[in-house]
Amino acid sequence: MKVVILAGGFGTRISEESHLKPKPMIEIGGKPILWHIMKEYAHYGFDEFIICCGYKQYVGDETFMLTYGDGVCDVDINKLLEFHRGHGKIATMTAVSVGQRFGVLDIDSSNTINSFREKDDVDGSRINAGYMVLEPAIFDYIAGDDTVFEQEPLRRMAQMGELKAYMHNGFWQCMDTKREMEKLEELWQSGKAPWKSWND
């Protein structure tokens, strides 16, 4: 199964580093965060990668995985895939609960994502952590190269009941700021990086 990693962002909130290199190439423990993400997937046996540095996705008529090139997680990818295969919908995204600044997911009791909305200051709702599993029908929701995946396609799928949430209560951390980068580096150097599922 192919793993698509979106690595085309500019990293404006971490400009101290990203003016020198693309955000997915910023290093944690001497290796790009992109390497860490690829190692996570490879640990679970998924090692056919497509790194999207622009806007095209080169996948065939098959289920595939998709995540962002700037965040790490200790999600069990095999369990995520099993959950996706069990519900028969077009898309599954990993949903985490963190005190962050992102838009949140309205998830019902059957783990269906009904809508996206902006986060309130005291909101305990879950957010999109990436680590998605998608069916090729997802491309029917993408109008063209200018389509923002997190906007119209995901919102339409939510409205149609085709978007499911895999609830993850473990570790997830994006790397949007220098402070977040330093936090990940500290965890790596401590030898207790939660996302390190592989053996050296």
N, C-alpha and C. Protein backbone atom coordinates (compact mmCIF):
# COMPACT_ATOMS: atom_id res chain seq x y z
N MET A 1 0.84 -1.19 0.00
CA MET A 1 0.00 0.00 0.00
C MET A 1 0.88 1.25 0.00
N LYS A 2 0.52 2.21 -0.83
CA LYS A 2 1.31 3.44 -0.94
C LYS A 2 1.02 4.37 0.23
N VAL A 3 2.05 5.11 0.63
CA VAL A 3 1.92 6.14 1.66
C VAL A 3 2.27 7.47 1.00
N VAL A 4 1.30 8.38 0.95
CA VAL A 4 1.52 9.70 0.37
C VAL A 4 1.81 10.68 1.51
N ILE A 5 2.90 11.41 1.38
CA ILE A 5 3.27 12.39 2.41
C ILE A 5 3.26 13.77 1.77
N LEU A 6 2.42 14.64 2.31
CA LEU A 6 2.33 16.02 1.79
C LEU A 6 3.48 16.83 2.37
N ALA A 7 4.38 17.25 1.49
CA ALA A 7 5.60 17.93 1.95
C ALA A 7 5.83 19.23 1.22
N GLY A 8 4.73 19.87 0.78
CA GLY A 8 4.88 21.08 -0.02
C GLY A 8 4.65 22.38 0.71
N GLY A 9 4.49 22.34 2.03
CA GLY A 9 4.20 23.57 2.79
C GLY A 9 5.40 24.48 2.90
N PHE A 10 5.13 25.74 3.15
CA PHE A 10 6.20 26.72 3.26
C PHE A 10 6.77 26.84 4.66
N GLY A 11 6.03 26.44 5.68
CA GLY A 11 6.54 26.50 7.03
C GLY A 11 6.76 27.92 7.53
N THR A 12 5.79 28.78 7.28
CA THR A 12 5.96 30.19 7.64
C THR A 12 6.04 30.42 9.13
N ARG A 13 5.41 29.54 9.96
CA ARG A 13 5.44 29.75 11.40
C ARG A 13 6.73 29.26 12.05
N ILE A 14 7.55 28.59 11.27
CA ILE A 14 8.84 28.12 11.80
C ILE A 14 9.94 28.69 10.91
N SER A 15 9.79 29.96 10.55
CA SER A 15 10.65 30.58 9.56
C SER A 15 12.11 30.66 9.99
N GLU A 16 12.36 30.53 11.32
CA GLU A 16 13.76 30.54 11.77
C GLU A 16 14.55 29.42 11.11
N GLU A 17 13.87 28.33 10.81
CA GLU A 17 14.53 27.18 10.18
C GLU A 17 14.15 27.03 8.71
N SER A 18 12.88 27.29 8.40
CA SER A 18 12.39 26.96 7.07
C SER A 18 12.85 27.93 5.99
N HIS A 19 13.50 29.04 6.36
CA HIS A 19 14.06 29.89 5.32
C HIS A 19 15.31 29.26 4.72
N LEU A 20 15.87 28.27 5.42
CA LEU A 20 17.06 27.58 4.94
C LEU A 20 16.72 26.29 4.20
N LYS A 21 15.61 25.65 4.57
CA LYS A 21 15.23 24.36 3.98
C LYS A 21 13.74 24.16 4.14
N PRO A 22 13.12 23.29 3.32
CA PRO A 22 11.69 23.01 3.48
C PRO A 22 11.41 22.41 4.86
N LYS A 23 10.23 22.71 5.40
CA LYS A 23 9.90 22.25 6.76
C LYS A 23 10.07 20.74 6.96
N PRO A 24 9.64 19.89 6.01
CA PRO A 24 9.83 18.45 6.23
C PRO A 24 11.30 18.02 6.30
N MET A 25 12.21 18.90 5.90
CA MET A 25 13.64 18.57 5.95
C MET A 25 14.32 19.12 7.21
N ILE A 26 13.57 19.82 8.06
CA ILE A 26 14.13 20.28 9.32
C ILE A 26 14.41 19.08 10.21
N GLU A 27 15.57 19.07 10.82
CA GLU A 27 16.05 17.86 11.50
C GLU A 27 15.66 17.77 12.96
N ILE A 28 15.35 16.55 13.36
CA ILE A 28 15.17 16.16 14.76
C ILE A 28 16.17 15.03 14.99
N GLY A 29 17.08 15.22 15.90
CA GLY A 29 18.08 14.20 16.16
C GLY A 29 18.99 13.93 14.98
N GLY A 30 19.25 14.96 14.18
CA GLY A 30 20.15 14.82 13.04
C GLY A 30 19.52 14.21 11.80
N LYS A 31 18.22 13.94 11.84
CA LYS A 31 17.50 13.38 10.69
C LYS A 31 16.27 14.24 10.40
N PRO A 32 15.94 14.44 9.12
CA PRO A 32 14.74 15.24 8.79
C PRO A 32 13.48 14.63 9.40
N ILE A 33 12.53 15.47 9.79
CA ILE A 33 11.28 14.95 10.35
C ILE A 33 10.59 14.03 9.34
N LEU A 34 10.81 14.28 8.05
CA LEU A 34 10.28 13.40 7.02
C LEU A 34 10.81 11.98 7.17
N TRP A 35 12.08 11.83 7.52
CA TRP A 35 12.69 10.51 7.77
C TRP A 35 11.99 9.82 8.94
N HIS A 36 11.71 10.56 10.00
CA HIS A 36 11.03 10.00 11.17
C HIS A 36 9.65 9.45 10.77
N ILE A 37 8.91 10.22 9.97
CA ILE A 37 7.58 9.80 9.54
C ILE A 37 7.67 8.54 8.69
N MET A 38 8.64 8.51 7.77
CA MET A 38 8.81 7.33 6.91
C MET A 38 9.21 6.11 7.72
N LYS A 39 10.03 6.29 8.74
CA LYS A 39 10.42 5.17 9.60
C LYS A 39 9.22 4.61 10.35
N GLU A 40 8.30 5.51 10.77
CA GLU A 40 7.09 5.05 11.46
C GLU A 40 6.28 4.11 10.58
N TYR A 41 6.02 4.55 9.36
CA TYR A 41 5.23 3.72 8.45
C TYR A 41 5.97 2.43 8.09
N ALA A 42 7.26 2.52 7.83
CA ALA A 42 8.05 1.34 7.45
C ALA A 42 8.03 0.30 8.56
N HIS A 43 7.99 0.75 9.82
CA HIS A 43 7.93 -0.18 10.95
C HIS A 43 6.71 -1.09 10.86
N TYR A 44 5.63 -0.56 10.30
CA TYR A 44 4.39 -1.33 10.16
C TYR A 44 4.30 -2.04 8.81
N GLY A 45 5.37 -1.97 8.02
CA GLY A 45 5.42 -2.68 6.75
C GLY A 45 4.97 -1.89 5.54
N PHE A 46 4.73 -0.59 5.73
CA PHE A 46 4.31 0.27 4.61
C PHE A 46 5.51 1.11 4.19
N ASP A 47 6.15 0.71 3.09
CA ASP A 47 7.41 1.37 2.72
C ASP A 47 7.47 1.81 1.26
N GLU A 48 6.30 1.97 0.64
CA GLU A 48 6.24 2.52 -0.71
C GLU A 48 5.71 3.95 -0.60
N PHE A 49 6.63 4.90 -0.70
CA PHE A 49 6.31 6.30 -0.40
C PHE A 49 6.19 7.15 -1.65
N ILE A 50 5.26 8.09 -1.60
CA ILE A 50 5.14 9.15 -2.60
C ILE A 50 5.23 10.45 -1.83
N ILE A 51 6.29 11.22 -2.08
CA ILE A 51 6.48 12.49 -1.38
C ILE A 51 5.98 13.60 -2.31
N CYS A 52 4.89 14.25 -1.92
CA CYS A 52 4.29 15.31 -2.73
C CYS A 52 4.88 16.66 -2.33
N CYS A 53 5.70 17.19 -3.22
CA CYS A 53 6.31 18.49 -2.96
C CYS A 53 5.52 19.60 -3.64
N GLY A 54 4.52 19.24 -4.37
CA GLY A 54 3.69 20.22 -5.05
C GLY A 54 2.23 19.85 -4.90
N TYR A 55 1.60 19.42 -6.00
CA TYR A 55 0.16 19.22 -5.93
C TYR A 55 -0.32 17.91 -6.54
N LYS A 56 0.49 17.14 -7.25
CA LYS A 56 0.04 15.90 -7.90
C LYS A 56 0.15 14.72 -6.91
N GLN A 57 -0.75 13.78 -7.04
CA GLN A 57 -0.66 12.51 -6.29
C GLN A 57 -0.63 11.37 -7.28
N TYR A 58 0.44 10.53 -7.21
CA TYR A 58 0.63 9.44 -8.17
C TYR A 58 0.23 8.12 -7.52
N VAL A 59 -1.07 7.92 -7.39
CA VAL A 59 -1.58 6.67 -6.84
C VAL A 59 -2.56 6.08 -7.84
N GLY A 60 -2.65 4.77 -7.85
CA GLY A 60 -3.56 4.10 -8.76
C GLY A 60 -4.93 3.91 -8.15
N ASP A 61 -5.66 2.93 -8.66
CA ASP A 61 -7.01 2.65 -8.19
C ASP A 61 -6.94 1.72 -6.99
N GLU A 62 -6.44 2.25 -5.88
CA GLU A 62 -6.20 1.43 -4.69
C GLU A 62 -6.30 2.28 -3.43
N THR A 63 -6.57 1.61 -2.32
CA THR A 63 -6.53 2.29 -1.02
C THR A 63 -5.11 2.79 -0.79
N PHE A 64 -4.99 3.97 -0.19
CA PHE A 64 -3.66 4.49 0.12
C PHE A 64 -3.70 5.28 1.41
N MET A 65 -2.51 5.56 1.94
CA MET A 65 -2.39 6.34 3.17
C MET A 65 -1.89 7.74 2.83
N LEU A 66 -2.24 8.68 3.68
CA LEU A 66 -1.85 10.07 3.46
C LEU A 66 -1.57 10.72 4.80
N THR A 67 -0.49 11.46 4.89
CA THR A 67 -0.23 12.24 6.10
C THR A 67 0.55 13.49 5.73
N TYR A 68 0.79 14.31 6.72
CA TYR A 68 1.51 15.56 6.52
C TYR A 68 2.98 15.37 6.85
N GLY A 69 3.83 16.14 6.19
CA GLY A 69 5.27 15.99 6.36
C GLY A 69 5.85 16.76 7.51
N ASP A 70 5.01 17.11 8.51
CA ASP A 70 5.53 17.94 9.61
C ASP A 70 5.02 17.52 10.98
N GLY A 71 4.57 16.26 11.10
CA GLY A 71 4.07 15.81 12.40
C GLY A 71 4.35 14.34 12.63
N VAL A 72 4.57 13.99 13.90
CA VAL A 72 4.84 12.60 14.26
C VAL A 72 3.83 12.14 15.31
N CYS A 73 3.64 10.81 15.37
CA CYS A 73 2.56 10.26 16.17
C CYS A 73 2.92 8.83 16.55
N ASP A 74 2.37 8.33 17.66
CA ASP A 74 2.62 6.93 18.02
C ASP A 74 1.40 6.05 17.73
N VAL A 75 0.60 6.45 16.74
CA VAL A 75 -0.57 5.67 16.36
C VAL A 75 -0.14 4.31 15.80
N ASP A 76 -0.91 3.27 16.10
CA ASP A 76 -0.68 1.95 15.55
C ASP A 76 -1.30 1.93 14.15
N ILE A 77 -0.46 2.00 13.15
CA ILE A 77 -0.95 2.14 11.78
C ILE A 77 -1.71 0.90 11.32
N ASN A 78 -1.34 -0.26 11.79
CA ASN A 78 -2.10 -1.47 11.44
C ASN A 78 -3.52 -1.42 11.98
N LYS A 79 -3.68 -0.94 13.21
CA LYS A 79 -5.02 -0.80 13.79
C LYS A 79 -5.83 0.28 13.08
N LEU A 80 -5.16 1.34 12.68
CA LEU A 80 -5.80 2.40 11.89
C LEU A 80 -6.35 1.82 10.59
N LEU A 81 -5.54 1.04 9.90
CA LEU A 81 -5.96 0.42 8.64
C LEU A 81 -7.11 -0.57 8.86
N GLU A 82 -7.03 -1.34 9.92
CA GLU A 82 -8.11 -2.29 10.25
C GLU A 82 -9.43 -1.56 10.50
N PHE A 83 -9.36 -0.44 11.22
CA PHE A 83 -10.55 0.38 11.48
C PHE A 83 -11.12 0.89 10.16
N HIS A 84 -10.26 1.37 9.28
CA HIS A 84 -10.71 1.90 7.99
C HIS A 84 -11.41 0.83 7.17
N ARG A 85 -10.80 -0.33 7.10
CA ARG A 85 -11.37 -1.42 6.30
C ARG A 85 -12.70 -1.91 6.89
N GLY A 86 -12.90 -1.70 8.19
CA GLY A 86 -14.10 -2.18 8.85
C GLY A 86 -15.33 -1.34 8.63
N HIS A 87 -15.18 -0.05 8.28
CA HIS A 87 -16.37 0.80 8.16
C HIS A 87 -16.84 1.04 6.73
N GLY A 88 -16.00 0.80 5.74
CA GLY A 88 -16.43 0.89 4.35
C GLY A 88 -16.65 2.28 3.79
N LYS A 89 -16.18 3.31 4.48
CA LYS A 89 -16.33 4.68 3.99
C LYS A 89 -15.10 5.08 3.17
N ILE A 90 -15.15 6.26 2.56
CA ILE A 90 -14.07 6.71 1.68
C ILE A 90 -12.81 7.10 2.46
N ALA A 91 -12.99 7.72 3.61
CA ALA A 91 -11.82 8.30 4.29
C ALA A 91 -11.85 8.09 5.79
N THR A 92 -10.65 7.88 6.34
CA THR A 92 -10.44 7.84 7.78
C THR A 92 -9.31 8.79 8.11
N MET A 93 -9.50 9.62 9.12
CA MET A 93 -8.39 10.44 9.59
C MET A 93 -8.19 10.18 11.08
N THR A 94 -6.94 10.27 11.50
CA THR A 94 -6.64 10.10 12.91
C THR A 94 -7.01 11.39 13.63
N ALA A 95 -7.78 11.26 14.71
CA ALA A 95 -8.26 12.41 15.48
C ALA A 95 -7.63 12.39 16.86
N VAL A 96 -7.02 13.49 17.24
CA VAL A 96 -6.38 13.60 18.56
C VAL A 96 -6.95 14.78 19.31
N SER A 97 -6.83 14.74 20.62
CA SER A 97 -7.30 15.82 21.47
C SER A 97 -6.11 16.50 22.10
N VAL A 98 -5.84 17.72 21.66
CA VAL A 98 -4.70 18.47 22.19
C VAL A 98 -5.09 19.94 22.34
N GLY A 99 -4.43 20.62 23.23
CA GLY A 99 -4.68 22.04 23.42
C GLY A 99 -3.93 22.84 22.38
N GLN A 100 -4.47 22.88 21.18
CA GLN A 100 -3.78 23.53 20.07
C GLN A 100 -4.65 24.61 19.46
N ARG A 101 -4.19 25.18 18.37
CA ARG A 101 -4.84 26.32 17.73
C ARG A 101 -5.55 25.95 16.43
N PHE A 102 -5.79 24.66 16.21
CA PHE A 102 -6.32 24.21 14.93
C PHE A 102 -7.84 24.12 14.94
N GLY A 103 -8.41 24.01 13.73
CA GLY A 103 -9.84 23.75 13.60
C GLY A 103 -10.16 22.38 14.16
N VAL A 104 -11.37 22.19 14.64
CA VAL A 104 -11.74 20.95 15.32
C VAL A 104 -12.77 20.17 14.52
N LEU A 105 -12.94 18.90 14.90
CA LEU A 105 -13.84 17.98 14.22
C LEU A 105 -15.08 17.75 15.06
N ASP A 106 -16.24 17.77 14.43
CA ASP A 106 -17.50 17.41 15.08
C ASP A 106 -17.72 15.93 14.81
N ILE A 107 -17.50 15.07 15.81
CA ILE A 107 -17.54 13.62 15.65
C ILE A 107 -18.73 13.07 16.43
N ASP A 108 -19.55 12.23 15.76
CA ASP A 108 -20.71 11.67 16.46
C ASP A 108 -20.36 10.34 17.14
N SER A 109 -21.35 9.69 17.72
CA SER A 109 -21.11 8.48 18.51
C SER A 109 -20.66 7.29 17.68
N SER A 110 -20.83 7.35 16.35
CA SER A 110 -20.37 6.25 15.49
C SER A 110 -19.03 6.59 14.83
N ASN A 111 -18.35 7.60 15.38
CA ASN A 111 -17.04 8.05 14.88
C ASN A 111 -17.10 8.64 13.48
N THR A 112 -18.28 9.08 13.06
CA THR A 112 -18.40 9.78 11.78
C THR A 112 -18.13 11.26 12.01
N ILE A 113 -17.29 11.85 11.15
CA ILE A 113 -17.01 13.28 11.24
C ILE A 113 -18.08 14.01 10.45
N ASN A 114 -18.86 14.85 11.14
CA ASN A 114 -19.97 15.55 10.51
C ASN A 114 -19.60 16.93 9.99
N SER A 115 -18.61 17.58 10.60
CA SER A 115 -18.22 18.90 10.14
C SER A 115 -16.90 19.32 10.75
N PHE A 116 -16.37 20.42 10.20
CA PHE A 116 -15.17 21.06 10.73
C PHE A 116 -15.58 22.43 11.24
N ARG A 117 -14.94 22.90 12.28
CA ARG A 117 -15.21 24.26 12.75
C ARG A 117 -13.97 24.79 13.44
N GLU A 118 -13.97 26.08 13.69
CA GLU A 118 -12.83 26.70 14.36
C GLU A 118 -12.83 26.34 15.84
N LYS A 119 -11.66 26.26 16.42
CA LYS A 119 -11.50 25.85 17.81
C LYS A 119 -11.78 27.01 18.76
N ASP A 120 -12.50 26.71 19.83
CA ASP A 120 -12.70 27.69 20.90
C ASP A 120 -11.56 27.58 21.89
N ASP A 121 -11.32 28.63 22.66
CA ASP A 121 -10.21 28.63 23.61
C ASP A 121 -10.31 27.52 24.65
N VAL A 122 -11.53 27.17 25.06
CA VAL A 122 -11.69 26.15 26.10
C VAL A 122 -12.21 24.85 25.50
N ASP A 123 -11.97 24.67 24.23
CA ASP A 123 -12.50 23.53 23.50
C ASP A 123 -11.70 22.26 23.79
N GLY A 124 -12.40 21.17 24.08
CA GLY A 124 -11.74 19.90 24.29
C GLY A 124 -11.92 18.96 23.11
N SER A 125 -12.43 19.48 21.99
CA SER A 125 -12.70 18.65 20.82
C SER A 125 -11.42 18.19 20.15
N ARG A 126 -11.57 17.20 19.28
CA ARG A 126 -10.42 16.60 18.61
C ARG A 126 -10.10 17.33 17.31
N ILE A 127 -8.84 17.17 16.89
CA ILE A 127 -8.37 17.79 15.66
C ILE A 127 -7.84 16.72 14.71
N ASN A 128 -7.67 17.11 13.46
CA ASN A 128 -7.11 16.25 12.42
C ASN A 128 -5.61 16.15 12.61
N ALA A 129 -5.12 14.93 12.88
CA ALA A 129 -3.69 14.71 13.07
C ALA A 129 -3.03 14.15 11.82
N GLY A 130 -3.77 14.08 10.71
CA GLY A 130 -3.23 13.43 9.52
C GLY A 130 -3.39 11.93 9.66
N TYR A 131 -2.36 11.20 9.30
CA TYR A 131 -2.38 9.73 9.39
C TYR A 131 -3.73 9.20 8.90
N MET A 132 -4.00 9.47 7.62
CA MET A 132 -5.28 9.13 6.99
C MET A 132 -5.16 7.86 6.16
N VAL A 133 -6.28 7.18 5.97
CA VAL A 133 -6.40 6.09 5.01
C VAL A 133 -7.54 6.48 4.08
N LEU A 134 -7.28 6.42 2.77
CA LEU A 134 -8.23 6.93 1.78
C LEU A 134 -8.47 5.93 0.66
N GLU A 135 -9.69 5.93 0.18
CA GLU A 135 -10.04 5.14 -1.00
C GLU A 135 -9.87 6.03 -2.24
N PRO A 136 -9.64 5.43 -3.42
CA PRO A 136 -9.43 6.25 -4.63
C PRO A 136 -10.62 7.14 -4.97
N ALA A 137 -11.81 6.83 -4.44
CA ALA A 137 -12.98 7.69 -4.68
C ALA A 137 -12.77 9.10 -4.15
N ILE A 138 -11.74 9.29 -3.30
CA ILE A 138 -11.43 10.63 -2.78
C ILE A 138 -11.18 11.62 -3.92
N PHE A 139 -10.65 11.12 -5.04
CA PHE A 139 -10.31 12.02 -6.15
C PHE A 139 -11.55 12.60 -6.82
N ASP A 140 -12.70 11.97 -6.62
CA ASP A 140 -13.95 12.52 -7.15
C ASP A 140 -14.33 13.83 -6.44
N TYR A 141 -13.74 14.06 -5.28
CA TYR A 141 -14.05 15.25 -4.48
C TYR A 141 -13.04 16.37 -4.71
N ILE A 142 -12.03 16.11 -5.52
CA ILE A 142 -10.99 17.10 -5.77
C ILE A 142 -11.19 17.67 -7.17
N ALA A 143 -11.58 18.95 -7.23
CA ALA A 143 -11.95 19.56 -8.51
C ALA A 143 -10.75 19.78 -9.43
N GLY A 144 -9.61 20.10 -8.86
CA GLY A 144 -8.44 20.40 -9.69
C GLY A 144 -7.24 20.72 -8.85
N ASP A 145 -6.21 21.21 -9.50
CA ASP A 145 -4.93 21.46 -8.84
C ASP A 145 -5.01 22.54 -7.75
N ASP A 146 -6.00 23.42 -7.86
CA ASP A 146 -6.10 24.51 -6.88
C ASP A 146 -6.96 24.13 -5.67
N THR A 147 -7.51 22.94 -5.65
CA THR A 147 -8.36 22.50 -4.54
C THR A 147 -7.54 22.34 -3.27
N VAL A 148 -8.00 22.94 -2.18
CA VAL A 148 -7.36 22.76 -0.88
C VAL A 148 -8.01 21.55 -0.23
N PHE A 149 -7.24 20.48 -0.05
CA PHE A 149 -7.77 19.20 0.40
C PHE A 149 -8.55 19.31 1.71
N GLU A 150 -8.05 20.12 2.65
CA GLU A 150 -8.69 20.24 3.96
C GLU A 150 -9.97 21.09 3.92
N GLN A 151 -10.21 21.73 2.82
CA GLN A 151 -11.40 22.57 2.75
C GLN A 151 -12.56 21.81 2.10
N GLU A 152 -12.82 22.07 0.84
CA GLU A 152 -14.00 21.52 0.18
C GLU A 152 -14.06 19.99 0.16
N PRO A 153 -12.99 19.27 -0.21
CA PRO A 153 -13.12 17.80 -0.27
C PRO A 153 -13.48 17.16 1.07
N LEU A 154 -12.77 17.51 2.13
CA LEU A 154 -13.07 16.91 3.43
C LEU A 154 -14.42 17.36 3.96
N ARG A 155 -14.77 18.61 3.73
CA ARG A 155 -16.07 19.10 4.20
C ARG A 155 -17.22 18.41 3.48
N ARG A 156 -17.06 18.20 2.18
CA ARG A 156 -18.11 17.50 1.42
C ARG A 156 -18.25 16.06 1.89
N MET A 157 -17.13 15.40 2.11
CA MET A 157 -17.20 14.02 2.59
C MET A 157 -17.85 13.95 3.96
N ALA A 158 -17.55 14.93 4.81
CA ALA A 158 -18.17 14.97 6.13
C ALA A 158 -19.68 15.12 6.00
N GLN A 159 -20.12 16.00 5.11
CA GLN A 159 -21.55 16.21 4.90
C GLN A 159 -22.24 14.95 4.40
N MET A 160 -21.52 14.12 3.65
CA MET A 160 -22.09 12.91 3.07
C MET A 160 -21.89 11.68 3.95
N GLY A 161 -21.27 11.86 5.12
CA GLY A 161 -21.07 10.74 6.03
C GLY A 161 -19.98 9.77 5.59
N GLU A 162 -19.06 10.25 4.75
CA GLU A 162 -18.01 9.39 4.20
C GLU A 162 -16.66 9.58 4.89
N LEU A 163 -16.64 10.31 6.01
CA LEU A 163 -15.38 10.61 6.70
C LEU A 163 -15.46 10.11 8.14
N LYS A 164 -14.57 9.17 8.47
CA LYS A 164 -14.56 8.57 9.80
C LYS A 164 -13.33 9.01 10.59
N ALA A 165 -13.48 9.02 11.91
CA ALA A 165 -12.38 9.40 12.80
C ALA A 165 -11.84 8.17 13.51
N TYR A 166 -10.54 7.98 13.42
CA TYR A 166 -9.87 6.96 14.23
C TYR A 166 -9.36 7.68 15.48
N MET A 167 -9.96 7.38 16.61
CA MET A 167 -9.61 8.08 17.84
C MET A 167 -8.25 7.61 18.37
N HIS A 168 -7.35 8.56 18.49
CA HIS A 168 -6.02 8.24 19.03
C HIS A 168 -5.80 9.06 20.29
N ASN A 169 -5.56 8.37 21.38
CA ASN A 169 -5.37 9.04 22.67
C ASN A 169 -3.91 9.12 23.10
N GLY A 170 -3.02 8.70 22.22
CA GLY A 170 -1.60 8.73 22.55
C GLY A 170 -0.92 10.01 22.11
N PHE A 171 0.34 9.89 21.73
CA PHE A 171 1.17 11.05 21.39
C PHE A 171 0.95 11.49 19.95
N TRP A 172 0.90 12.80 19.76
CA TRP A 172 0.95 13.42 18.44
C TRP A 172 1.54 14.80 18.61
N GLN A 173 2.42 15.18 17.70
CA GLN A 173 2.99 16.53 17.76
C GLN A 173 3.34 16.99 16.36
N CYS A 174 2.84 18.16 15.99
CA CYS A 174 3.26 18.77 14.74
C CYS A 174 4.47 19.65 15.03
N MET A 175 5.10 20.12 13.96
CA MET A 175 6.28 20.97 14.11
C MET A 175 6.05 22.26 13.34
N ASP A 176 5.20 23.11 13.89
CA ASP A 176 4.87 24.38 13.25
C ASP A 176 5.75 25.52 13.72
N THR A 177 6.29 25.41 14.92
CA THR A 177 7.07 26.51 15.49
C THR A 177 8.43 26.01 15.96
N LYS A 178 9.31 26.96 16.21
CA LYS A 178 10.64 26.60 16.72
C LYS A 178 10.52 25.91 18.08
N ARG A 179 9.58 26.36 18.89
CA ARG A 179 9.38 25.75 20.19
C ARG A 179 8.98 24.27 20.05
N GLU A 180 8.09 23.98 19.10
CA GLU A 180 7.69 22.60 18.86
C GLU A 180 8.84 21.75 18.34
N MET A 181 9.67 22.36 17.48
CA MET A 181 10.84 21.67 16.99
C MET A 181 11.78 21.31 18.15
N GLU A 182 11.97 22.26 19.05
CA GLU A 182 12.85 22.03 20.20
C GLU A 182 12.27 20.96 21.13
N LYS A 183 10.95 20.92 21.26
CA LYS A 183 10.30 19.89 22.08
C LYS A 183 10.55 18.51 21.51
N LEU A 184 10.42 18.37 20.19
CA LEU A 184 10.66 17.09 19.54
C LEU A 184 12.12 16.68 19.66
N GLU A 185 13.01 17.64 19.50
CA GLU A 185 14.44 17.36 19.64
C GLU A 185 14.78 16.88 21.05
N GLU A 186 14.18 17.53 22.03
CA GLU A 186 14.42 17.15 23.43
C GLU A 186 13.93 15.72 23.70
N LEU A 187 12.75 15.38 23.17
CA LEU A 187 12.24 14.02 23.33
C LEU A 187 13.15 13.00 22.65
N TRP A 188 13.63 13.34 21.46
CA TRP A 188 14.51 12.43 20.75
C TRP A 188 15.82 12.21 21.51
N GLN A 189 16.41 13.30 21.97
CA GLN A 189 17.69 13.20 22.68
C GLN A 189 17.55 12.47 24.01
N SER A 190 16.35 12.49 24.58
CA SER A 190 16.13 11.80 25.86
C SER A 190 16.07 10.28 25.69
N GLY A 191 15.95 9.83 24.44
CA GLY A 191 15.79 8.41 24.18
C GLY A 191 14.38 7.91 24.42
N LYS A 192 13.44 8.85 24.61
CA LYS A 192 12.05 8.48 24.92
C LYS A 192 11.07 9.09 23.93
N ALA A 193 11.48 9.17 22.66
CA ALA A 193 10.59 9.72 21.65
C ALA A 193 9.41 8.77 21.44
N PRO A 194 8.18 9.19 21.76
CA PRO A 194 7.03 8.28 21.71
C PRO A 194 6.77 7.72 20.32
N TRP A 195 7.12 8.48 19.29
CA TRP A 195 6.82 8.04 17.93
C TRP A 195 7.83 7.01 17.40
N LYS A 196 8.93 6.79 18.12
CA LYS A 196 9.97 5.86 17.65
C LYS A 196 9.52 4.42 17.91
N SER A 197 8.82 3.86 16.91
CA SER A 197 8.30 2.51 17.02
C SER A 197 9.28 1.48 16.45
N TRP A 198 10.28 1.94 15.74
CA TRP A 198 11.21 1.05 15.06
C TRP A 198 12.46 0.82 15.91
N ASN A 199 13.18 -0.26 15.58
CA ASN A 199 14.48 -0.53 16.18
C ASN A 199 15.57 -0.07 15.24
N ASP A 200 16.65 0.45 15.77
CA ASP A 200 17.73 0.97 14.92
C ASP A 200 18.34 -0.12 14.07
